[in-house]
């Protein structure tokens, strides 16, 4: 009897192993860390638990820049992941890499999975859609730039805590009061190129680049040395000289100084919300971006940030079916709504936004709808988004030149002229390389 039971147990174990081996693995490379990294892992875990055919394996591959570089090397070596998370400034480069990617619309269609691009928020889906109407990548952690402020610090400085500064002169005035109250870092900004040049341009309805900011052609050229751009960077430079604006580094590095309470105001991604909600030990507020009230048409709308998911080529049909099933799963209104509430990233479908609103989340958490309302205003050709070739490198140039301004080594005009000159050289190279 014992031998029979052992044999049954052995066969059961073999069956379990065979079942596990039968699962099709889907490799997903991403750049999410900390609370957002936990979210990505949970999404994969929930999908894997929802069915038995596929197993999504999320792998952190470094920053957005690093993961793009790693994926190019992996593609050339024939071992690229199935899914690659690419930040929005890499969109033009990915679009030009026709042999390396499979349009998400095609993946869904070939897999026979229901997919309706019109279900996605227009401002989000439109950015990742080709001129022929085909969606190229899957909107994932879509964000936009918003304004965060420390209500406890405001209270200590005698500032109102029920609303943030609405205009840039009001930001300067609030920063001066915070400094007078002993605050060492009244204002800082993360992602300085995105917040102070790209979003700033759209918010004020001024061109960032020609050809509808690159969306209408590869022959776009930069326009960020306009009088308004110069005025704004000069104002920030003056704030830096007075200790009202403290530069804390590139990318999202400055965010830590807000969560710790060191800096009282910050411009950064709506996707920073999950970190603030979990780790800030003070009362905080979320608000729209400041603007210059004398600029006609301001405020307009902000542009998309964050990243989308691209499907890499060269995989088997069954693997693409798994990718399609996963995308369908994370598009579910209840999954999207939960992700939005948890992270601050936009709900990428209209149904998810409506579900979140109906749940009372926005009323219970004032300011959490700011990102959505900023994005869904009527857009113009100057505010639809920015899609430029070689933009990862251009962003690095923006960082270099702006750092010269904050250090007092260059004037705003000199730095912006240099960004335009150096940026245009890269745009020209990209245009020549992708003429077809």
Protein backbone atom coordinates (compact mmCIF):
# COMPACT_ATOMS: atom_id res chain seq x y z
CA UNK A 1 0.00 0.00 0.00
CA UNK A 2 2.83 2.32 0.92
CA UNK A 3 4.53 1.70 -2.44
CA UNK A 4 1.26 2.48 -4.28
CA UNK A 5 0.83 5.74 -2.32
CA UNK A 6 4.43 6.70 -3.02
CA UNK A 7 3.89 6.02 -6.73
CA UNK A 8 0.73 8.18 -6.76
CA UNK A 9 2.60 10.99 -4.97
CA UNK A 10 5.49 10.71 -7.44
CA UNK A 11 3.15 10.87 -10.44
CA UNK A 12 1.37 13.86 -8.86
CA UNK A 13 4.70 15.64 -8.38
CA UNK A 14 5.70 14.90 -11.98
CA UNK A 15 2.31 16.20 -13.12
CA UNK A 16 2.76 19.42 -11.13
CA UNK A 17 6.21 19.94 -12.65
CA UNK A 18 4.89 19.28 -16.15
CA UNK A 19 2.04 21.72 -15.53
CA UNK A 20 4.47 24.40 -14.35
CA UNK A 21 6.70 23.77 -17.36
CA UNK A 22 3.71 24.06 -19.67
CA UNK A 23 3.24 27.66 -18.59
CA UNK A 24 4.47 30.14 -21.21
CA UNK A 25 6.80 32.71 -19.65
CA UNK A 26 6.48 36.35 -20.63
CA UNK A 27 9.56 38.43 -19.81
CA UNK A 28 8.80 42.04 -18.83
CA UNK A 29 11.67 44.50 -18.39
CA UNK A 30 10.86 47.65 -16.44
CA UNK A 31 12.37 50.63 -14.61
CA UNK A 32 10.11 50.92 -11.57
CA UNK A 33 11.66 51.16 -8.09
CA UNK A 34 10.45 51.35 -4.48
CA UNK A 35 6.64 51.58 -4.10
CA UNK A 36 6.14 51.60 -7.88
CA UNK A 37 8.36 48.52 -8.21
CA UNK A 38 6.13 46.78 -5.66
CA UNK A 39 3.10 47.77 -7.76
CA UNK A 40 4.60 46.26 -10.94
CA UNK A 41 5.38 43.01 -9.12
CA UNK A 42 1.84 42.86 -7.73
CA UNK A 43 0.31 43.37 -11.19
CA UNK A 44 2.30 40.42 -12.53
CA UNK A 45 1.44 38.33 -9.46
CA UNK A 46 -2.30 39.07 -9.79
CA UNK A 47 -2.31 38.24 -13.50
CA UNK A 48 -0.39 35.01 -12.90
CA UNK A 49 -2.92 34.01 -10.22
CA UNK A 50 -5.86 34.78 -12.54
CA UNK A 51 -5.01 32.02 -15.05
CA UNK A 52 -2.69 29.05 -15.54
CA UNK A 53 -1.42 29.35 -19.13
CA UNK A 54 1.03 32.23 -18.77
CA UNK A 55 3.53 33.56 -16.28
CA UNK A 56 4.64 37.18 -16.51
CA UNK A 57 8.13 37.65 -15.06
CA UNK A 58 8.90 41.31 -14.25
CA UNK A 59 12.60 42.25 -14.11
CA UNK A 60 14.02 45.61 -13.06
CA UNK A 61 16.59 46.67 -15.67
CA UNK A 62 17.80 49.99 -14.30
CA UNK A 63 16.69 53.50 -15.16
CA UNK A 64 14.68 54.22 -18.30
CA UNK A 65 17.87 55.11 -20.19
CA UNK A 66 19.65 51.96 -18.96
CA UNK A 67 16.79 49.59 -19.80
CA UNK A 68 16.51 51.00 -23.34
CA UNK A 69 20.23 50.47 -23.88
CA UNK A 70 20.03 46.94 -22.43
CA UNK A 71 17.06 46.05 -24.63
CA UNK A 72 18.87 47.17 -27.83
CA UNK A 73 21.83 44.95 -26.93
CA UNK A 74 19.48 42.06 -26.07
CA UNK A 75 17.56 42.46 -29.33
CA UNK A 76 20.76 42.31 -31.36
CA UNK A 77 21.76 39.17 -29.45
CA UNK A 78 18.37 37.59 -30.09
CA UNK A 79 17.19 37.51 -26.47
CA UNK A 80 15.10 40.63 -26.03
CA UNK A 81 12.22 40.55 -23.54
CA UNK A 82 8.62 40.20 -24.73
CA UNK A 83 7.62 43.49 -23.11
CA UNK A 84 9.78 46.56 -22.61
CA UNK A 85 8.78 49.62 -20.59
CA UNK A 86 9.99 52.76 -22.41
CA UNK A 87 9.60 56.32 -21.15
CA UNK A 88 7.72 58.78 -23.30
CA UNK A 89 10.84 60.53 -24.62
CA UNK A 90 11.93 57.24 -26.20
CA UNK A 91 8.72 57.00 -28.25
CA UNK A 92 10.09 58.48 -31.50
CA UNK A 93 13.14 56.21 -31.30
CA UNK A 94 10.95 53.13 -30.76
CA UNK A 95 8.62 54.15 -33.58
CA UNK A 96 11.62 54.32 -35.90
CA UNK A 97 12.79 50.84 -34.80
CA UNK A 98 10.29 49.10 -37.05
CA UNK A 99 12.04 45.73 -37.19
CA UNK A 100 12.46 45.58 -33.43
CA UNK A 101 8.85 46.05 -32.34
CA UNK A 102 5.39 44.73 -33.09
CA UNK A 103 2.57 47.33 -32.84
CA UNK A 104 0.36 46.56 -29.85
CA UNK A 105 -2.75 46.90 -32.04
CA UNK A 106 -1.43 44.08 -34.22
CA UNK A 107 -0.51 41.93 -31.22
CA UNK A 108 -4.05 42.19 -29.84
CA UNK A 109 -5.66 41.56 -33.23
CA UNK A 110 -3.50 38.52 -34.07
CA UNK A 111 -4.19 37.06 -30.61
CA UNK A 112 -7.93 37.49 -31.08
CA UNK A 113 -8.15 39.50 -27.87
CA UNK A 114 -10.79 42.23 -27.65
CA UNK A 115 -9.12 45.61 -27.95
CA UNK A 116 -10.78 48.98 -28.44
CA UNK A 117 -8.33 51.92 -28.68
CA UNK A 118 -11.23 54.36 -28.18
CA UNK A 119 -11.65 53.02 -24.61
CA UNK A 120 -8.37 54.74 -23.66
CA UNK A 121 -8.21 58.41 -22.67
CA UNK A 122 -7.61 60.30 -25.92
CA UNK A 123 -4.68 62.42 -24.73
CA UNK A 124 -2.92 59.24 -23.61
CA UNK A 125 -3.72 56.87 -26.48
CA UNK A 126 -3.12 59.52 -29.14
CA UNK A 127 0.49 59.96 -28.10
CA UNK A 128 1.27 56.29 -28.71
CA UNK A 129 -0.70 56.00 -31.95
CA UNK A 130 0.78 56.13 -35.47
CA UNK A 131 -0.56 58.54 -38.12
CA UNK A 132 -2.46 55.58 -39.67
CA UNK A 133 -4.43 55.16 -36.45
CA UNK A 134 -2.71 52.00 -35.23
CA UNK A 135 -1.74 51.97 -31.56
CA UNK A 136 1.99 51.22 -31.38
CA UNK A 137 2.56 50.73 -27.66
CA UNK A 138 0.38 50.05 -24.67
CA UNK A 139 -0.26 53.04 -22.34
CA UNK A 140 0.94 51.93 -18.92
CA UNK A 141 2.27 54.28 -16.26
CA UNK A 142 1.10 57.47 -17.91
CA UNK A 143 1.69 60.55 -15.80
CA UNK A 144 1.85 64.29 -16.02
CA UNK A 145 3.59 67.02 -14.05
CA UNK A 146 1.90 68.46 -10.98
CA UNK A 147 2.79 70.58 -7.95
CA UNK A 148 3.22 69.18 -4.41
CA UNK A 149 3.44 71.30 -1.26
CA UNK A 150 4.10 70.64 2.41
CA UNK A 151 1.09 71.94 4.34
CA UNK A 152 2.87 71.75 7.71
CA UNK A 153 5.71 73.91 6.38
CA UNK A 154 3.19 76.34 4.90
CA UNK A 155 1.39 76.62 8.23
CA UNK A 156 4.65 77.27 10.11
CA UNK A 157 5.48 80.04 7.60
CA UNK A 158 2.05 81.67 7.95
CA UNK A 159 0.94 80.62 4.47
CA UNK A 160 -2.56 79.33 3.66
CA UNK A 161 -2.70 75.53 3.65
CA UNK A 162 -5.95 75.10 1.72
CA UNK A 163 -4.41 76.04 -1.64
CA UNK A 164 -1.04 76.09 -3.36
CA UNK A 165 0.48 79.09 -5.15
CA UNK A 166 -1.27 79.35 -8.51
CA UNK A 167 1.14 81.63 -10.38
CA UNK A 168 4.92 81.80 -10.54
CA UNK A 169 5.03 85.17 -8.73
CA UNK A 170 3.01 83.50 -5.95
CA UNK A 171 5.56 80.65 -5.84
CA UNK A 172 8.36 83.21 -5.39
CA UNK A 173 6.42 84.98 -2.61
CA UNK A 174 5.67 81.67 -0.83
CA UNK A 175 9.30 80.59 -1.14
CA UNK A 176 10.45 83.89 0.42
CA UNK A 177 8.13 83.36 3.41
CA UNK A 178 9.29 79.77 3.82
CA UNK A 179 12.92 80.90 3.78
CA UNK A 180 12.19 83.64 6.31
CA UNK A 181 10.61 80.98 8.54
CA UNK A 182 13.88 79.03 8.44
CA UNK A 183 13.23 76.60 5.61
CA UNK A 184 16.52 75.72 3.90
CA UNK A 185 14.88 74.48 0.67
CA UNK A 186 11.65 76.31 -0.14
CA UNK A 187 11.27 74.99 -3.72
CA UNK A 188 12.89 72.36 -5.90
CA UNK A 189 12.04 70.59 -9.14
CA UNK A 190 12.50 67.05 -10.39
CA UNK A 191 12.82 66.11 -14.07
CA UNK A 192 13.77 69.72 -14.83
CA UNK A 193 13.59 69.41 -18.64
CA UNK A 194 10.15 67.81 -18.48
CA UNK A 195 8.70 70.12 -15.83
CA UNK A 196 10.34 73.48 -16.59
CA UNK A 197 10.61 73.29 -20.39
CA UNK A 198 8.28 70.66 -21.89
CA UNK A 199 5.27 70.89 -19.58
CA UNK A 200 5.90 74.60 -19.11
CA UNK A 201 5.56 75.10 -22.88
CA UNK A 202 2.30 73.14 -23.20
CA UNK A 203 0.83 74.73 -20.04
CA UNK A 204 1.45 78.17 -21.59
CA UNK A 205 0.42 77.07 -25.11
CA UNK A 206 3.77 77.97 -26.66
CA UNK A 207 5.81 75.82 -29.03
CA UNK A 208 8.51 73.59 -27.65
CA UNK A 209 9.52 72.59 -31.17
CA UNK A 210 8.24 73.16 -34.69
CA UNK A 211 6.03 70.62 -36.55
CA UNK A 212 3.58 70.42 -33.63
CA UNK A 213 6.44 69.57 -31.27
CA UNK A 214 7.62 66.81 -33.61
CA UNK A 215 4.29 65.00 -33.92
CA UNK A 216 3.84 66.27 -37.49
CA UNK A 217 7.23 65.41 -38.95
CA UNK A 218 10.85 64.40 -38.44
CA UNK A 219 12.06 67.83 -39.60
CA UNK A 220 11.07 69.45 -36.28
CA UNK A 221 13.46 71.94 -34.70
CA UNK A 222 13.57 73.30 -31.16
CA UNK A 223 11.98 76.60 -30.08
CA UNK A 224 12.73 76.86 -26.36
CA UNK A 225 14.80 80.06 -26.53
CA UNK A 226 11.68 82.22 -26.91
CA UNK A 227 11.29 85.33 -24.71
CA UNK A 228 8.86 83.46 -22.43
CA UNK A 229 11.23 80.52 -21.91
CA UNK A 230 14.13 82.90 -21.23
CA UNK A 231 12.00 84.87 -18.76
CA UNK A 232 11.05 81.71 -16.85
CA UNK A 233 14.57 80.27 -16.59
CA UNK A 234 15.86 83.72 -15.56
CA UNK A 235 13.26 83.82 -12.79
CA UNK A 236 14.32 80.39 -11.55
CA UNK A 237 17.97 81.47 -11.71
CA UNK A 238 17.16 84.51 -9.56
CA UNK A 239 15.33 82.25 -7.11
CA UNK A 240 18.42 80.00 -6.98
CA UNK A 241 20.66 83.01 -6.19
CA UNK A 242 18.37 83.98 -3.30
CA UNK A 243 18.15 80.45 -1.89
CA UNK A 244 14.45 80.20 -2.78
CA UNK A 245 15.03 77.43 -5.34
CA UNK A 246 17.54 74.70 -4.49
CA UNK A 247 18.63 72.37 -7.30
CA UNK A 248 18.73 68.78 -6.04
CA UNK A 249 19.82 66.80 -9.08
CA UNK A 250 18.59 65.13 -12.24
CA UNK A 251 15.64 62.85 -12.93
CA UNK A 252 13.55 62.02 -9.89
CA UNK A 253 16.44 62.43 -7.41
CA UNK A 254 14.96 65.68 -5.93
CA UNK A 255 11.76 63.86 -4.90
CA UNK A 256 13.49 62.40 -1.83
CA UNK A 257 14.07 65.91 -0.49
CA UNK A 258 10.31 66.55 -0.50
CA UNK A 259 9.36 63.26 1.17
CA UNK A 260 11.96 63.89 3.91
CA UNK A 261 10.49 67.36 4.58
CA UNK A 262 13.68 69.14 3.51
CA UNK A 263 12.07 70.91 0.53
CA UNK A 264 8.60 72.41 0.94
CA UNK A 265 7.48 72.61 -2.70
CA UNK A 266 8.30 70.45 -5.72
CA UNK A 267 7.28 70.14 -9.37
CA UNK A 268 7.34 66.51 -10.43
CA UNK A 269 5.34 63.56 -11.75
CA UNK A 270 1.84 62.64 -10.63
CA UNK A 271 3.37 59.16 -10.30
CA UNK A 272 5.24 60.43 -7.23
CA UNK A 273 1.96 60.32 -5.29
CA UNK A 274 2.33 56.69 -4.13
CA UNK A 275 5.69 57.51 -2.51
CA UNK A 276 4.34 60.64 -0.80
CA UNK A 277 1.19 58.89 0.43
CA UNK A 278 3.23 56.05 1.93
CA UNK A 279 6.30 57.85 3.27
CA UNK A 280 5.60 61.55 3.99
CA UNK A 281 5.28 62.26 7.73
CA UNK A 282 3.50 65.56 7.21
CA UNK A 283 0.28 66.93 5.71
CA UNK A 284 0.69 67.58 1.99
CA UNK A 285 -1.28 68.92 -0.95
CA UNK A 286 -1.41 68.27 -4.69
CA UNK A 287 -2.13 71.13 -7.07
CA UNK A 288 -1.97 72.21 -10.73
CA UNK A 289 1.25 73.67 -12.12
CA UNK A 290 1.91 77.38 -11.56
CA UNK A 291 1.69 79.67 -14.60
CA UNK A 292 2.30 83.27 -15.69
CA UNK A 293 -1.09 84.97 -15.64
CA UNK A 294 -0.16 87.52 -18.32
CA UNK A 295 0.44 84.83 -20.99
CA UNK A 296 -2.58 84.54 -23.34
CA UNK A 297 -4.17 81.08 -23.25
CA UNK A 298 -2.47 80.00 -20.02
CA UNK A 299 -3.06 77.66 -18.39
CA UNK A 300 -3.65 75.23 -21.27
CA UNK A 301 -3.04 71.50 -20.64
CA UNK A 302 -0.04 69.46 -19.57
CA UNK A 303 1.61 66.74 -21.67
CA UNK A 304 1.99 63.05 -21.06
CA UNK A 305 4.92 61.61 -19.17
CA UNK A 306 5.66 58.24 -17.67
CA UNK A 307 6.03 55.27 -19.98
CA UNK A 308 4.33 52.74 -22.20
CA UNK A 309 4.86 49.06 -22.88
CA UNK A 310 6.38 48.04 -26.21
CA UNK A 311 6.18 44.50 -27.60
CA UNK A 312 9.46 43.23 -29.04
CA UNK A 313 9.59 41.24 -32.27
CA UNK A 314 10.84 37.71 -32.91
CA UNK A 315 8.64 35.84 -30.41
CA UNK A 316 6.27 32.87 -30.84
CA UNK A 317 2.54 33.24 -31.50
CA UNK A 318 1.64 31.67 -28.14
CA UNK A 319 3.91 34.12 -26.34
CA UNK A 320 2.22 37.07 -28.08
CA UNK A 321 -1.13 35.62 -27.04
CA UNK A 322 0.11 35.77 -23.42
CA UNK A 323 1.21 39.37 -23.87
CA UNK A 324 -2.24 40.25 -25.24
CA UNK A 325 -3.99 38.50 -22.34
CA UNK A 326 -1.80 40.41 -19.87
CA UNK A 327 -2.55 43.77 -21.52
CA UNK A 328 -6.25 42.97 -21.47
CA UNK A 329 -5.98 42.10 -17.75
CA UNK A 330 -4.24 45.36 -16.75
CA UNK A 331 -6.79 47.32 -18.82
CA UNK A 332 -9.70 46.11 -16.71
CA UNK A 333 -11.43 49.13 -15.09
CA UNK A 334 -11.06 47.70 -11.57
CA UNK A 335 -7.33 46.99 -12.11
CA UNK A 336 -6.71 50.41 -13.69
CA UNK A 337 -8.63 52.22 -10.94
CA UNK A 338 -6.71 50.41 -8.18
CA UNK A 339 -3.40 51.24 -9.89
CA UNK A 340 -4.37 54.91 -10.26
CA UNK A 341 -5.34 55.17 -6.57
CA UNK A 342 -2.16 53.45 -5.47
CA UNK A 343 0.40 55.27 -7.64
CA UNK A 344 -0.95 58.61 -8.88
CA UNK A 345 -0.41 57.53 -12.49
CA UNK A 346 -3.35 58.32 -14.75
CA UNK A 347 -6.18 55.85 -15.23
CA UNK A 348 -5.60 55.10 -18.92
CA UNK A 349 -9.21 54.21 -19.72
CA UNK A 350 -12.31 56.37 -19.40
CA UNK A 351 -14.09 53.53 -17.57
CA UNK A 352 -11.35 53.41 -14.92
CA UNK A 353 -11.58 57.19 -14.36
CA UNK A 354 -15.36 56.98 -13.98
CA UNK A 355 -15.06 54.04 -11.58
CA UNK A 356 -12.54 55.96 -9.45
CA UNK A 357 -14.76 59.04 -9.38
CA UNK A 358 -17.81 56.96 -8.45
CA UNK A 359 -15.90 55.35 -5.58
CA UNK A 360 -15.48 58.76 -3.90
CA UNK A 361 -11.68 58.56 -4.00
CA UNK A 362 -11.20 62.10 -5.36
CA UNK A 363 -13.45 63.60 -2.67
CA UNK A 364 -11.68 61.68 0.08
CA UNK A 365 -8.22 62.56 -1.29
CA UNK A 366 -8.35 66.16 -2.59
CA UNK A 367 -5.92 66.87 -5.42
CA UNK A 368 -5.64 63.29 -6.68
CA UNK A 369 -7.70 64.25 -9.74
CA UNK A 370 -5.37 67.14 -10.68
CA UNK A 371 -3.33 65.02 -13.12
CA UNK A 372 -6.46 63.89 -14.95
CA UNK A 373 -8.08 67.32 -15.17
CA UNK A 374 -4.81 68.89 -16.39
CA UNK A 375 -4.55 66.31 -19.18
CA UNK A 376 -8.13 66.28 -20.45
CA UNK A 377 -8.48 70.00 -21.19
CA UNK A 378 -8.86 70.87 -24.87
CA UNK A 379 -5.47 70.44 -26.57
CA UNK A 380 -3.87 72.52 -29.33
CA UNK A 381 -1.09 71.78 -31.84
CA UNK A 382 1.29 73.33 -29.32
CA UNK A 383 0.14 71.19 -26.40
CA UNK A 384 -0.63 67.69 -27.74
CA UNK A 385 2.69 66.28 -26.62
CA UNK A 386 6.35 66.16 -27.60
CA UNK A 387 7.72 63.45 -29.88
CA UNK A 388 11.28 64.14 -30.98
CA UNK A 389 14.03 61.83 -32.21
CA UNK A 390 17.18 61.38 -30.12
CA UNK A 391 15.22 62.91 -27.27
CA UNK A 392 16.94 60.91 -24.55
CA UNK A 393 20.18 62.67 -25.52
CA UNK A 394 18.43 66.05 -25.83
CA UNK A 395 17.11 65.66 -22.28
CA UNK A 396 20.70 65.14 -21.10
CA UNK A 397 21.70 68.37 -22.89
CA UNK A 398 18.86 70.21 -21.13
CA UNK A 399 20.18 68.95 -17.79
CA UNK A 400 23.75 70.01 -18.58
CA UNK A 401 22.82 73.50 -19.71
CA UNK A 402 20.31 74.22 -16.95
CA UNK A 403 22.85 73.13 -14.34
CA UNK A 404 25.17 75.83 -15.73
CA UNK A 405 22.41 78.39 -15.12
CA UNK A 406 21.69 77.28 -11.54
CA UNK A 407 25.44 77.42 -10.81
CA UNK A 408 25.60 80.99 -12.13
CA UNK A 409 27.98 80.04 -14.95
CA UNK A 410 25.62 80.82 -17.86
CA UNK A 411 22.75 83.19 -18.44
CA UNK A 412 19.30 81.76 -19.20
CA UNK A 413 19.57 82.99 -22.81
CA UNK A 414 23.01 81.44 -23.34
CA UNK A 415 21.90 78.07 -21.96
CA UNK A 416 18.63 77.94 -23.91
CA UNK A 417 20.37 79.01 -27.14
CA UNK A 418 22.86 76.20 -26.56
CA UNK A 419 20.09 73.63 -25.95
CA UNK A 420 18.44 74.68 -29.22
CA UNK A 421 21.70 74.55 -31.19
CA UNK A 422 22.85 71.19 -29.78
CA UNK A 423 19.34 69.75 -29.85
CA UNK A 424 18.79 70.72 -33.48
CA UNK A 425 22.01 68.95 -34.47
CA UNK A 426 20.67 65.73 -32.94
CA UNK A 427 17.25 66.21 -34.55
CA UNK A 428 18.92 66.65 -37.94
CA UNK A 429 20.92 63.44 -37.43
CA UNK A 430 17.74 61.55 -36.52
CA UNK A 431 15.91 62.95 -39.55
CA UNK A 432 18.70 61.85 -41.92
CA UNK A 433 18.88 58.39 -40.37
CA UNK A 434 15.12 57.82 -40.65
CA UNK A 435 14.23 59.46 -43.96
CA UNK A 436 12.19 56.47 -45.11
